Protein backbone atom coordinates (compact mmCIF):
# COMPACT_ATOMS: atom_id res chain seq x y z
CA UNK A 1 -143.24 243.84 -58.57
CA UNK A 2 -143.55 243.32 -54.64
CA UNK A 3 -147.18 244.31 -54.01
CA UNK A 4 -150.19 243.70 -55.30
CA UNK A 5 -152.28 246.39 -56.88
CA UNK A 6 -155.75 245.41 -55.29
CA UNK A 7 -157.68 247.92 -52.92
CA UNK A 8 -157.83 247.16 -49.48
CA UNK A 9 -154.46 244.78 -49.07
CA UNK A 10 -152.89 244.09 -46.16
CA UNK A 11 -155.99 245.29 -44.00
CA UNK A 12 -157.23 241.78 -43.24
CA UNK A 13 -155.98 240.22 -39.70
CA UNK A 14 -155.42 236.78 -41.50
CA UNK A 15 -152.95 238.22 -43.80
CA UNK A 16 -149.43 238.48 -42.62
CA UNK A 17 -146.25 240.33 -44.00
CA UNK A 18 -142.72 238.92 -44.33
CA UNK A 19 -139.69 240.45 -43.10
CA UNK A 20 -139.09 242.31 -46.88
CA UNK A 21 -142.73 243.56 -46.12
CA UNK A 22 -144.31 241.30 -48.75
CA UNK A 23 -147.55 239.93 -47.98
CA UNK A 24 -148.07 236.43 -47.98
CA UNK A 25 -151.59 234.37 -48.20
CA UNK A 26 -152.71 232.76 -45.19
CA UNK A 27 -151.55 229.02 -44.75
CA UNK A 28 -154.89 227.68 -44.12
CA UNK A 29 -157.31 226.11 -46.71
CA UNK A 30 -157.96 229.40 -48.31
CA UNK A 31 -154.63 230.65 -49.12
CA UNK A 32 -152.51 230.03 -52.18
CA UNK A 33 -149.31 228.52 -51.25
CA UNK A 34 -145.86 229.92 -52.58
CA UNK A 35 -144.70 228.36 -55.36
CA UNK A 36 -140.95 228.66 -56.60
CA UNK A 37 -140.54 231.29 -54.12
CA UNK A 38 -143.14 233.56 -55.68
CA UNK A 39 -146.38 234.27 -53.59
CA UNK A 40 -149.77 233.73 -54.79
CA UNK A 41 -150.47 236.82 -56.52
CA UNK A 42 -147.05 236.39 -58.20
CA UNK A 43 -147.81 232.97 -59.38
CA UNK A 44 -151.27 234.18 -60.84
CA UNK A 45 -153.31 233.92 -58.20
CA UNK A 46 -155.55 230.61 -57.10
CA UNK A 47 -158.85 228.89 -55.29
CA UNK A 48 -156.67 227.34 -52.87
CA UNK A 49 -156.51 224.08 -54.89
CA UNK A 50 -153.58 225.37 -57.19
CA UNK A 51 -156.12 225.99 -60.18
CA UNK A 52 -155.76 229.45 -61.69
CA UNK A 53 -157.97 231.79 -60.16
CA UNK A 54 -161.19 233.13 -62.15
CA UNK A 55 -160.82 236.84 -60.79
CA UNK A 56 -162.17 236.43 -57.12
CA UNK A 57 -159.83 236.37 -54.28
CA UNK A 58 -156.89 237.88 -56.45
CA UNK A 59 -155.71 239.68 -53.46
CA UNK A 60 -152.58 238.51 -51.22
CA UNK A 61 -154.60 236.09 -49.42
CA UNK A 62 -156.05 234.00 -52.64
CA UNK A 63 -158.58 232.37 -50.89
CA UNK A 64 -162.67 232.50 -51.46
CA UNK A 65 -163.43 233.82 -48.64
CA UNK A 66 -161.46 237.42 -49.72
CA UNK A 67 -163.17 240.38 -51.44
CA UNK A 68 -163.34 240.41 -55.19
CA UNK A 69 -160.14 241.99 -57.02
CA UNK A 70 -160.09 245.33 -58.53
CA UNK A 71 -161.63 245.91 -62.04
CA UNK A 72 -159.79 244.19 -64.84
CA UNK A 73 -158.49 247.48 -66.52
CA UNK A 74 -156.33 248.15 -63.27
CA UNK A 75 -154.82 244.40 -63.50
CA UNK A 76 -154.10 244.97 -67.36
CA UNK A 77 -152.43 248.12 -66.71
CA UNK A 78 -149.91 246.52 -63.94
CA UNK A 79 -149.46 243.78 -66.34
CA UNK A 80 -148.55 246.09 -69.43
CA UNK A 81 -146.41 247.97 -67.18
CA UNK A 82 -144.49 244.65 -66.23
CA UNK A 83 -144.24 243.94 -69.72
CA UNK A 84 -142.73 247.15 -70.80
CA UNK A 85 -140.34 247.13 -67.86
CA UNK A 86 -139.20 243.41 -68.67
CA UNK A 87 -138.97 244.50 -72.37
CA UNK A 88 -136.74 247.42 -71.58
CA UNK A 89 -134.47 245.20 -69.66
CA UNK A 90 -134.21 242.63 -72.03
CA UNK A 91 -133.27 245.00 -74.59
CA UNK A 92 -130.96 247.08 -72.02
CA UNK A 93 -129.11 243.76 -70.92
CA UNK A 94 -128.85 242.86 -74.89
CA UNK A 95 -127.41 246.48 -75.93
CA UNK A 96 -124.95 246.15 -73.06
CA UNK A 97 -123.73 242.77 -74.13
CA UNK A 98 -123.64 243.61 -77.70
CA UNK A 99 -121.58 246.69 -76.65
CA UNK A 100 -119.06 244.78 -74.45
CA UNK A 101 -118.84 242.26 -77.43
CA UNK A 102 -117.85 244.87 -79.56
CA UNK A 103 -115.59 246.30 -77.14
CA UNK A 104 -113.74 243.01 -76.83
CA UNK A 105 -113.72 242.79 -80.37
CA UNK A 106 -112.14 246.09 -80.52
CA UNK A 107 -109.16 245.10 -78.33
CA UNK A 108 -107.75 242.49 -80.73
CA UNK A 109 -105.02 243.20 -82.95
CA UNK A 110 -104.87 241.27 -86.11
CA UNK A 111 -102.29 240.21 -88.69
CA UNK A 112 -101.60 238.12 -92.14
CA UNK A 113 -101.60 234.72 -91.18
CA UNK A 114 -98.51 234.01 -93.80
CA UNK A 115 -95.63 236.26 -94.22
CA UNK A 116 -93.62 234.47 -97.23
CA UNK A 117 -93.61 231.36 -99.83
CA UNK A 118 -94.49 228.26 -98.00
CA UNK A 119 -94.32 224.44 -99.12
CA UNK A 120 -96.61 223.12 -96.39
CA UNK A 121 -100.28 221.90 -97.21
CA UNK A 122 -102.79 221.39 -94.70
CA UNK A 123 -103.75 217.79 -94.15
CA UNK A 124 -106.68 215.84 -95.45
CA UNK A 125 -109.54 215.09 -93.26
CA UNK A 126 -109.60 211.73 -91.80
CA UNK A 127 -112.28 209.12 -92.56
CA UNK A 128 -114.49 210.82 -89.99
CA UNK A 129 -114.24 214.34 -91.81
CA UNK A 130 -111.82 215.75 -89.06
CA UNK A 131 -108.64 217.69 -89.55
CA UNK A 132 -106.08 218.39 -87.03
CA UNK A 133 -105.44 222.01 -85.99
CA UNK A 134 -102.11 223.92 -85.60
CA UNK A 135 -101.60 226.93 -83.73
CA UNK A 136 -98.14 228.68 -83.54
CA UNK A 137 -97.78 230.81 -80.02
CA UNK A 138 -95.03 233.45 -80.03
CA UNK A 139 -94.12 235.42 -76.95
CA UNK A 140 -92.43 238.61 -78.42
CA UNK A 141 -89.71 240.41 -76.32
CA UNK A 142 -90.93 243.82 -77.79
CA UNK A 143 -89.72 246.94 -75.54
CA UNK A 144 -92.08 249.60 -77.64
CA UNK A 145 -94.08 250.55 -74.64
CA UNK A 146 -93.52 252.16 -71.44
CA UNK A 147 -94.88 248.90 -69.76
CA UNK A 148 -92.92 246.60 -71.94
CA UNK A 149 -89.77 248.48 -71.16
CA UNK A 150 -90.08 248.44 -67.44
CA UNK A 151 -90.74 245.05 -67.62
CA UNK A 152 -88.24 243.96 -70.23
CA UNK A 153 -85.10 245.74 -69.36
CA UNK A 154 -83.00 247.54 -71.57
CA UNK A 155 -84.35 251.18 -72.78
CA UNK A 156 -81.71 251.28 -75.53
CA UNK A 157 -83.76 248.53 -77.79
CA UNK A 158 -86.76 250.55 -77.46
CA UNK A 159 -88.18 250.89 -81.19
CA UNK A 160 -86.38 247.89 -82.42
CA UNK A 161 -88.41 245.59 -84.30
CA UNK A 162 -89.46 242.71 -81.78
CA UNK A 163 -87.62 239.05 -81.30
CA UNK A 164 -89.66 235.79 -81.00
CA UNK A 165 -87.99 234.51 -77.72
CA UNK A 166 -90.45 232.08 -77.22
CA UNK A 167 -91.75 229.78 -80.06
CA UNK A 168 -94.25 226.88 -79.38
CA UNK A 169 -96.70 224.95 -81.79
CA UNK A 170 -99.91 223.90 -80.43
CA UNK A 171 -101.05 220.76 -82.19
CA UNK A 172 -104.75 219.53 -81.78
CA UNK A 173 -105.30 215.91 -83.05
CA UNK A 174 -108.15 215.71 -85.38
CA UNK A 175 -110.48 214.07 -82.91
CA UNK A 176 -109.62 216.78 -80.21
CA UNK A 177 -108.66 213.97 -77.91
CA UNK A 178 -105.13 214.96 -77.33
CA UNK A 179 -102.79 217.64 -77.84
CA UNK A 180 -99.00 218.13 -78.22
CA UNK A 181 -96.79 221.16 -77.71
CA UNK A 182 -93.29 221.80 -79.46
CA UNK A 183 -90.93 224.43 -78.65
CA UNK A 184 -87.93 225.36 -80.55
CA UNK A 185 -85.34 227.20 -78.41
CA UNK A 186 -84.73 230.72 -79.55
CA UNK A 187 -81.07 230.41 -80.70
CA UNK A 188 -81.65 227.54 -82.89
CA UNK A 189 -80.21 228.25 -86.85
CA UNK A 190 -82.38 227.68 -89.33
CA UNK A 191 -83.58 228.89 -92.88
CA UNK A 192 -85.82 232.05 -92.71
CA UNK A 193 -87.37 232.58 -95.83
CA UNK A 194 -88.17 235.45 -98.19
CA UNK A 195 -90.61 237.79 -96.06
CA UNK A 196 -92.55 240.72 -96.27
CA UNK A 197 -93.56 243.38 -93.71
CA UNK A 198 -97.45 243.46 -93.79
CA UNK A 199 -97.59 247.10 -92.09
CA UNK A 200 -94.40 248.55 -93.99
CA UNK A 201 -94.12 246.70 -97.19
CA UNK A 202 -90.37 246.27 -96.52
CA UNK A 203 -89.35 243.20 -98.18
CA UNK A 204 -86.39 240.72 -96.68
CA UNK A 205 -84.42 238.36 -98.28
CA UNK A 206 -84.14 234.47 -97.31
CA UNK A 207 -81.26 234.32 -94.58
CA UNK A 208 -80.22 231.48 -92.45
CA UNK A 209 -80.23 232.83 -88.96
CA UNK A 210 -81.27 232.00 -85.48
CA UNK A 211 -85.20 231.27 -85.49
CA UNK A 212 -86.42 234.05 -83.04
CA UNK A 213 -85.19 236.85 -85.87
CA UNK A 214 -87.82 235.46 -88.09
CA UNK A 215 -90.29 237.69 -86.00
CA UNK A 216 -88.57 240.99 -86.94
CA UNK A 217 -88.30 240.27 -90.52
CA UNK A 218 -92.02 240.33 -91.24
CA UNK A 219 -93.60 239.90 -88.03
CA UNK A 220 -95.38 236.70 -87.25
CA UNK A 221 -96.64 235.49 -90.49
CA UNK A 222 -92.75 235.23 -91.35
CA UNK A 223 -91.99 233.01 -88.22
CA UNK A 224 -95.04 230.89 -89.47
CA UNK A 225 -93.55 230.36 -92.67
CA UNK A 226 -90.09 229.75 -91.40
CA UNK A 227 -91.91 226.93 -89.33
CA UNK A 228 -93.76 225.76 -92.01
CA UNK A 229 -90.74 225.01 -94.12
CA UNK A 230 -88.80 223.60 -91.59
CA UNK A 231 -91.37 221.29 -90.33
CA UNK A 232 -93.69 220.58 -93.42
CA UNK A 233 -96.46 221.02 -91.16
CA UNK A 234 -99.42 223.02 -92.35
CA UNK A 235 -100.00 226.12 -89.40
CA UNK A 236 -103.75 227.42 -89.12
CA UNK A 237 -103.16 230.23 -86.79
CA UNK A 238 -100.68 232.16 -84.92
CA UNK A 239 -100.65 234.34 -81.58
CA UNK A 240 -98.29 236.58 -80.07
CA UNK A 241 -98.12 237.97 -76.71
CA UNK A 242 -95.75 240.61 -75.21
CA UNK A 243 -94.30 241.15 -71.84
CA UNK A 244 -97.18 243.28 -70.64
CA UNK A 245 -99.64 240.69 -71.72
CA UNK A 246 -97.87 237.95 -70.09
CA UNK A 247 -98.54 240.11 -66.63
CA UNK A 248 -102.12 240.87 -67.37
CA UNK A 249 -102.81 237.17 -68.37
CA UNK A 250 -100.96 235.85 -64.93
CA UNK A 251 -103.05 238.59 -62.99
CA UNK A 252 -106.46 237.28 -64.74
CA UNK A 253 -105.73 233.68 -63.99
CA UNK A 254 -105.04 234.57 -60.12
CA UNK A 255 -101.33 233.06 -59.99
CA UNK A 256 -99.96 229.74 -61.41
CA UNK A 257 -98.04 227.34 -59.19
CA UNK A 258 -94.39 226.34 -60.09
CA UNK A 259 -91.65 224.56 -58.19
CA UNK A 260 -87.86 224.51 -57.87
CA UNK A 261 -85.67 222.19 -56.58
CA UNK A 262 -83.48 224.68 -54.66
CA UNK A 263 -83.65 228.42 -53.69
CA UNK A 264 -83.16 230.34 -57.26
CA UNK A 265 -82.03 234.09 -57.84
CA UNK A 266 -81.45 234.47 -61.49
CA UNK A 267 -79.27 237.62 -60.93
CA UNK A 268 -76.46 239.18 -62.94
CA UNK A 269 -72.99 237.59 -62.12
CA UNK A 270 -69.14 238.46 -62.72
CA UNK A 271 -68.76 238.06 -66.46
CA UNK A 272 -72.29 236.85 -67.07
CA UNK A 273 -74.92 240.11 -67.26
CA UNK A 274 -78.18 240.18 -67.29
CA UNK A 275 -81.00 237.89 -65.81
CA UNK A 276 -84.62 237.96 -65.01
CA UNK A 277 -84.63 238.73 -61.31
CA UNK A 278 -86.55 235.87 -60.40
CA UNK A 279 -85.92 234.96 -56.69
CA UNK A 280 -87.70 231.73 -55.09
CA UNK A 281 -87.28 229.73 -52.18
CA UNK A 282 -87.05 225.77 -52.83
CA UNK A 283 -90.55 224.24 -53.20
CA UNK A 284 -93.74 225.36 -54.77
CA UNK A 285 -94.87 228.83 -55.43
CA UNK A 286 -97.67 230.50 -56.81
CA UNK A 287 -96.37 233.24 -59.22
CA UNK A 288 -98.41 235.98 -60.81
CA UNK A 289 -97.90 239.42 -62.59
CA UNK A 290 -94.20 240.28 -62.94
CA UNK A 291 -92.70 237.39 -61.18
CA UNK A 292 -94.66 235.10 -63.69
CA UNK A 293 -92.92 236.76 -66.19
CA UNK A 294 -89.74 236.13 -64.60
CA UNK A 295 -90.13 232.78 -64.39
CA UNK A 296 -91.10 232.61 -68.43
CA UNK A 297 -87.95 234.50 -68.98
CA UNK A 298 -85.17 232.45 -66.83
CA UNK A 299 -82.59 231.03 -68.59
CA UNK A 300 -79.21 231.58 -66.78
CA UNK A 301 -80.75 229.90 -63.83
CA UNK A 302 -82.00 226.91 -65.15
CA UNK A 303 -78.37 226.54 -67.57
CA UNK A 304 -79.53 226.56 -70.99
CA UNK A 305 -82.21 227.53 -73.59
CA UNK A 306 -83.70 224.01 -73.88
CA UNK A 307 -84.14 224.34 -70.15
CA UNK A 308 -86.17 227.41 -70.13
CA UNK A 309 -88.18 225.75 -72.43
CA UNK A 310 -88.75 223.21 -69.78
CA UNK A 311 -89.64 225.89 -67.39
CA UNK A 312 -92.22 227.12 -69.74
CA UNK A 313 -93.60 224.00 -70.42
CA UNK A 314 -94.21 223.43 -66.72
CA UNK A 315 -95.79 226.53 -66.12
CA UNK A 316 -98.21 225.78 -69.16
CA UNK A 317 -99.36 222.79 -67.92
CA UNK A 318 -100.00 224.22 -64.38
CA UNK A 319 -101.78 226.99 -65.77
CA UNK A 320 -104.08 224.62 -67.94
CA UNK A 321 -104.79 222.56 -64.78
CA UNK A 322 -105.57 226.10 -62.90
CA UNK A 323 -107.93 226.78 -65.49
CA UNK A 324 -109.76 223.68 -65.38
CA UNK A 325 -109.92 223.80 -61.76
CA UNK A 326 -111.59 227.21 -61.92
CA UNK A 327 -113.98 226.12 -64.14
CA UNK A 328 -113.00 229.37 -66.14
CA UNK A 329 -115.14 228.46 -69.08
CA UNK A 330 -118.38 228.41 -67.23
CA UNK A 331 -117.65 230.94 -64.43
CA UNK A 332 -118.77 234.10 -66.12
CA UNK A 333 -117.06 236.59 -63.61
CA UNK A 334 -113.91 235.01 -64.28
CA UNK A 335 -114.56 234.53 -67.82
CA UNK A 336 -115.13 238.04 -68.42
CA UNK A 337 -111.60 238.74 -66.72
CA UNK A 338 -110.02 236.55 -68.78
CA UNK A 339 -111.65 237.86 -71.99
CA UNK A 340 -110.80 241.53 -71.15
CA UNK A 341 -106.96 240.25 -70.56
CA UNK A 342 -106.44 238.10 -73.30
CA UNK A 343 -108.28 240.16 -76.24
CA UNK A 344 -105.91 243.13 -74.87
CA UNK A 345 -102.68 240.98 -74.79
CA UNK A 346 -102.76 238.95 -77.90
CA UNK A 347 -102.27 239.68 -81.43
CA UNK A 348 -103.80 236.87 -83.66
CA UNK A 349 -103.93 235.70 -87.33
CA UNK A 350 -106.60 237.49 -89.04
CA UNK A 351 -108.73 234.52 -89.54
CA UNK A 352 -109.57 234.07 -85.55
CA UNK A 353 -109.59 237.76 -84.96
CA UNK A 354 -113.15 237.84 -83.45
CA UNK A 355 -114.08 237.20 -79.64
CA UNK A 356 -116.19 234.25 -80.98
CA UNK A 357 -113.69 232.67 -82.96
CA UNK A 358 -110.90 232.98 -79.96
CA UNK A 359 -113.93 231.26 -77.55
CA UNK A 360 -114.68 228.62 -79.91
CA UNK A 361 -110.89 227.63 -79.88
CA UNK A 362 -110.39 227.73 -76.59
CA UNK A 363 -113.50 225.38 -76.26
CA UNK A 364 -111.71 223.00 -78.48
CA UNK A 365 -108.84 222.92 -76.27
CA UNK A 366 -111.08 222.49 -73.31
CA UNK A 367 -111.98 219.23 -74.35
CA UNK A 368 -108.50 218.08 -74.06
CA UNK A 369 -107.86 215.88 -70.79
CA UNK A 370 -104.56 217.18 -68.96
CA UNK A 371 -103.20 213.52 -69.26
CA UNK A 372 -103.46 213.61 -73.12
CA UNK A 373 -101.39 217.00 -73.32
CA UNK A 374 -97.82 216.40 -73.80
CA UNK A 375 -95.00 219.17 -73.99
CA UNK A 376 -91.73 218.69 -75.63
CA UNK A 377 -88.71 220.49 -77.01
CA UNK A 378 -87.68 219.86 -80.69
CA UNK A 379 -84.45 217.74 -80.38
CA UNK A 380 -81.08 219.78 -80.93
CA UNK A 381 -77.54 219.35 -81.38
CA UNK A 382 -74.74 222.16 -80.89
CA UNK A 383 -74.04 224.43 -84.01
CA UNK A 384 -70.62 223.69 -85.01
CA UNK A 385 -70.44 227.36 -86.46
CA UNK A 386 -71.30 228.76 -83.12
CA UNK A 387 -71.10 226.88 -79.74
CA UNK A 388 -73.84 229.31 -78.25
CA UNK A 389 -76.39 228.20 -81.38
CA UNK A 390 -78.17 225.03 -81.92
CA UNK A 391 -79.36 223.10 -84.77
CA UNK A 392 -82.23 220.45 -85.48
CA UNK A 393 -81.05 216.97 -84.30
CA UNK A 394 -81.67 215.36 -87.85
CA UNK A 395 -83.73 211.97 -87.44
CA UNK A 396 -84.87 212.86 -83.83
CA UNK A 397 -86.58 215.98 -84.90
CA UNK A 398 -87.58 214.72 -88.25
CA UNK A 399 -89.37 212.14 -86.37
CA UNK A 400 -91.55 214.38 -84.06
CA UNK A 401 -92.42 216.61 -87.69
CA UNK A 402 -93.43 213.28 -88.73
CA UNK A 403 -95.69 212.40 -86.16
CA UNK A 404 -97.22 215.83 -86.09
CA UNK A 405 -98.07 216.00 -89.92
CA UNK A 406 -99.44 212.40 -89.65
CA UNK A 407 -101.49 213.30 -86.36
CA UNK A 408 -99.67 210.45 -84.61
CA UNK A 409 -100.43 210.84 -80.61
CA UNK A 410 -97.24 211.75 -78.86
CA UNK A 411 -98.50 209.49 -75.83
CA UNK A 412 -100.36 206.15 -76.10
CA UNK A 413 -102.92 206.50 -73.90
CA UNK A 414 -105.66 206.71 -76.68
CA UNK A 415 -107.45 203.95 -78.60
CA UNK A 416 -105.18 201.48 -79.94
CA UNK A 417 -105.50 202.13 -83.68
CA UNK A 418 -108.81 203.22 -83.53
CA UNK A 419 -110.22 206.14 -85.39
CA UNK A 420 -113.42 208.56 -84.32
CA UNK A 421 -115.58 206.66 -86.72
CA UNK A 422 -114.31 203.41 -85.30
CA UNK A 423 -112.69 202.57 -88.93
CA UNK A 424 -109.30 202.66 -90.17
CA UNK A 425 -107.68 206.01 -91.79
CA UNK A 426 -106.56 205.03 -95.27
CA UNK A 427 -105.83 208.66 -95.93
CA UNK A 428 -102.37 209.11 -97.49
CA UNK A 429 -100.11 210.36 -94.81
CA UNK A 430 -99.62 214.49 -94.97
CA UNK A 431 -95.63 213.65 -95.19
CA UNK A 432 -95.89 211.81 -98.61
CA UNK A 433 -98.04 214.17 -100.58
CA UNK A 434 -96.39 215.25 -103.93
CA UNK A 435 -95.89 218.71 -104.91
CA UNK A 436 -98.10 220.26 -107.56
CA UNK A 437 -94.99 221.79 -109.50
CA UNK A 438 -94.34 219.34 -112.34
CA UNK A 439 -91.05 217.90 -112.57
CA UNK A 440 -88.78 218.27 -115.68
CA UNK A 441 -87.50 215.60 -117.94
CA UNK A 442 -85.19 213.44 -115.82
CA UNK A 443 -82.15 214.21 -118.25
CA UNK A 444 -82.64 217.96 -117.61
CA UNK A 445 -82.29 217.92 -114.17
CA UNK A 446 -79.05 218.84 -112.47
CA UNK A 447 -78.28 216.80 -109.37
CA UNK A 448 -75.49 217.20 -107.13
CA UNK A 449 -74.76 214.50 -104.65
CA UNK A 450 -72.89 214.87 -101.45
CA UNK A 451 -71.50 212.42 -99.12
CA UNK A 452 -72.66 213.45 -95.43
CA UNK A 453 -72.00 210.11 -93.80
CA UNK A 454 -69.35 211.11 -91.27
CA UNK A 455 -70.65 210.82 -87.65
CA UNK A 456 -68.96 211.76 -84.22
CA UNK A 457 -67.79 208.28 -83.91
CA UNK A 458 -67.41 207.11 -87.16
CA UNK A 459 -65.53 208.36 -90.32
CA UNK A 460 -67.29 209.04 -93.96
CA UNK A 461 -68.05 205.85 -96.16
CA UNK A 462 -65.69 206.23 -98.97
CA UNK A 463 -67.38 206.82 -102.42
CA UNK A 464 -71.03 206.88 -101.01
CA UNK A 465 -71.70 210.41 -103.35
CA UNK A 466 -70.12 208.85 -106.46
CA UNK A 467 -72.05 205.29 -105.94
CA UNK A 468 -75.53 207.27 -105.65
CA UNK A 469 -74.68 209.94 -108.73
CA UNK A 470 -74.05 206.92 -110.64
CA UNK A 471 -77.27 205.27 -109.78
CA UNK A 472 -79.15 208.18 -110.66
CA UNK A 473 -77.67 208.50 -114.30
CA UNK A 474 -78.61 204.85 -114.54
CA UNK A 475 -82.34 205.72 -113.75
CA UNK A 476 -82.31 208.84 -116.47
CA UNK A 477 -80.97 211.69 -114.35
CA UNK A 478 -77.80 212.06 -116.44
CA UNK A 479 -76.78 215.22 -115.59
CA UNK A 480 -76.14 213.82 -111.80
CA UNK A 481 -72.64 214.34 -110.31
CA UNK A 482 -70.85 213.72 -107.20
CA UNK A 483 -69.72 216.82 -104.92
CA UNK A 484 -65.75 216.22 -104.68
CA UNK A 485 -65.57 218.59 -101.54
CA UNK A 486 -64.78 217.26 -98.12
CA UNK A 487 -67.27 214.75 -96.81
CA UNK A 488 -69.73 216.63 -94.29
CA UNK A 489 -71.83 215.20 -91.55
CA UNK A 490 -75.59 214.94 -91.77
CA UNK A 491 -77.79 212.28 -89.51
CA UNK A 492 -80.68 211.98 -91.91
CA UNK A 493 -80.45 211.62 -95.74
CA UNK A 494 -82.28 215.02 -97.19
CA UNK A 495 -82.75 216.33 -100.57
CA UNK A 496 -82.61 219.90 -100.76
CA UNK A 497 -83.61 222.56 -103.38
CA UNK A 498 -83.37 226.55 -103.33
CA UNK A 499 -86.44 227.79 -104.94
CA UNK A 500 -90.27 226.51 -105.52
CA UNK A 501 -89.70 225.76 -109.31
CA UNK A 502 -87.20 223.30 -108.09
CA UNK A 503 -89.27 221.39 -105.80
CA UNK A 504 -90.96 218.87 -108.29
CA UNK A 505 -87.63 218.16 -109.53
CA UNK A 506 -86.42 217.79 -106.13
CA UNK A 507 -89.12 215.46 -105.41
CA UNK A 508 -88.65 213.07 -108.70
CA UNK A 509 -85.31 212.52 -107.52
CA UNK A 510 -86.10 211.61 -104.08
CA UNK A 511 -88.69 209.07 -105.50
CA UNK A 512 -86.25 207.63 -107.68
CA UNK A 513 -84.18 206.81 -104.73
CA UNK A 514 -86.82 205.54 -102.49
CA UNK A 515 -86.35 208.90 -100.28
CA UNK A 516 -89.43 209.89 -98.55
CA UNK A 517 -91.34 213.21 -99.61
CA UNK A 518 -90.93 214.73 -96.13
CA UNK A 519 -87.32 214.79 -96.40
CA UNK A 520 -87.15 216.88 -99.41
CA UNK A 521 -86.63 220.40 -98.20
CA UNK A 522 -86.41 223.99 -99.49
CA UNK A 523 -82.94 225.33 -98.54
CA UNK A 524 -80.75 228.58 -99.26
CA UNK A 525 -77.65 226.71 -98.76
CA UNK A 526 -78.00 224.95 -102.28
CA UNK A 527 -77.95 226.22 -105.40
CA UNK A 528 -79.68 223.45 -107.23
CA UNK A 529 -81.18 220.16 -106.47
CA UNK A 530 -78.50 218.46 -103.98
CA UNK A 531 -78.86 214.86 -102.63
CA UNK A 532 -77.36 214.97 -99.04
CA UNK A 533 -76.59 211.07 -98.34
CA UNK A 534 -76.50 210.93 -94.27
CA UNK A 535 -75.30 208.80 -91.82
CA UNK A 536 -78.76 206.69 -92.10
CA UNK A 537 -77.81 205.64 -95.52
CA UNK A 538 -73.90 204.05 -95.41
CA UNK A 539 -74.51 201.36 -97.94
CA UNK A 540 -76.80 200.13 -100.64
CA UNK A 541 -78.18 202.29 -103.16
CA UNK A 542 -81.76 202.49 -102.50
CA UNK A 543 -82.60 204.35 -99.46
CA UNK A 544 -83.70 202.06 -96.45
CA UNK A 545 -87.49 202.45 -95.74
CA UNK A 546 -87.93 204.35 -91.92
CA UNK A 547 -90.07 202.60 -89.56
CA UNK A 548 -93.36 204.74 -89.18
CA UNK A 549 -93.47 206.05 -85.89
CA UNK A 550 -96.34 204.73 -83.66
CA UNK A 551 -98.31 206.52 -80.84
CA UNK A 552 -95.91 207.62 -77.66
CA UNK A 553 -92.98 206.62 -79.76
CA UNK A 554 -91.03 210.11 -79.10
CA UNK A 555 -87.44 210.35 -79.29
CA UNK A 556 -85.70 210.35 -76.00
CA UNK A 557 -84.30 213.71 -76.39
CA UNK A 558 -87.93 215.53 -76.81
CA UNK A 559 -87.85 216.34 -73.21
CA UNK A 560 -91.45 215.29 -72.87
CA UNK A 561 -93.73 216.60 -70.03
CA UNK A 562 -97.58 215.26 -69.53
CA UNK A 563 -100.25 217.91 -68.77
CA UNK A 564 -101.23 215.95 -65.62
CA UNK A 565 -97.50 215.53 -64.15
CA UNK A 566 -97.93 218.16 -61.20
CA UNK A 567 -94.86 216.85 -59.49
CA UNK A 568 -92.36 218.73 -61.59
CA UNK A 569 -89.69 220.76 -60.06
CA UNK A 570 -87.00 222.88 -61.90
CA UNK A 571 -83.20 222.04 -60.92
CA UNK A 572 -81.27 225.23 -60.32
CA UNK A 573 -77.80 225.80 -61.86
CA UNK A 574 -75.33 226.11 -58.92
CA UNK A 575 -74.01 229.78 -59.56
CA UNK A 576 -77.81 231.05 -59.12
CA UNK A 577 -78.56 229.08 -55.82
CA UNK A 578 -78.88 231.26 -52.71
């Protein structure tokens, strides 16, 4: 209320009105001073000394010299009216908030977390009871809407199953003090497991193809399972976003700063069709909307798929710095804009399919300092079957996955050897957990040993397959035999098995040779338990124990970028400069 209900108010000469027409008490001895921006009657009246009044002087002047107030019944009526109004306002606001919350929840699309059989197991809590969190972010090239067709090009592809052109694993450490992001280039050939489409029930057999096809073979759950089987890392959640979603999120943020070393124009060239259309001058530029999508989709102008991943990492780092600088999590208006854009743009695994759970997840991400965020790309080598495709780079890729499985930071900026509770973490490394599948008797397990010791500079070690097969026979695996085919090339020794019922057998074989459980992998390339003796085991019959990686001990081929590095710029491939 802005005026008192006392009769005669405003008629005394010693009562002044402020510019808003509100009456204030006299600033003399009898006047009640404003407290916290409220006039005397709003503060409850007074006797000039700051004590609550007793009924007299309840006019705006509030002094003892004033007239006695109106009968109590009128004051009580005013209070009842005020209380009723306040209650209506509170209930109305709460109702609107609830309806808006439900509106946001209604925006979110959800799907099953996993799409096939996986061998990965969730990490055990550390000594402080904390566990790491892994989230798979998938950028879909879906063209199944007018907006996506307009942004993504070819209308001929409308209606086709979407492909996962961008795939990144976000790893939050158990103590939430560091984070790692690993991309796998879309043209990397991997084993894709049996998957089932959760919407149509269509079943897809296991295959060996480039990883971006996994999204079309059962949705994001199939991509998640593909990652789990490749890396041995349990992935808690997935999120997908399409072309239109990237544009709306970039607009909600208000733009993200990117940088190029030279003028860039990613356009069709003779004998090289396509291109994102990105056109920027050298230096730093804030991109948003369609231009942000062009940055993320550009490949030709950078020169390769792994370099496109680097450009995406630069964008994500810059976006995180922008959000932190905007205080997006405490600015209500900006948070609402982001919430609207995010809930309309994202499809998520069902266990995080509410606004509250997504907000809680965002708050966990927010706690990580930018200088403890490391963006990387899985080390790769050229696929000998197709020069346009890639393969995981053996030991380097395995080292990265081992660090994530065992929650070893990608940087060395944390407390040296300290855990969150000040003790050492004595839990068994996630990479060394045994299978729940029991092994058959040793003399019943068939094992094929393959010589893959050849490298780019060294020839194969003669007789390696036979020597290891004989070692296995001596350990009781009487059905072990060497593969007499031409020697292959494999950087790291691995034990492969074709189906879940042989996992325990494969682990038993690995254990007998000293091969770590993390090197036991399911694969459609074999018909039984197969020991592939790699270039890392050229001598001896006991597998050499690999050194445990330390914090920050990343392979040089991981192309790591720190989240606080704002000086990164993309070099432009010569044909796409202007």
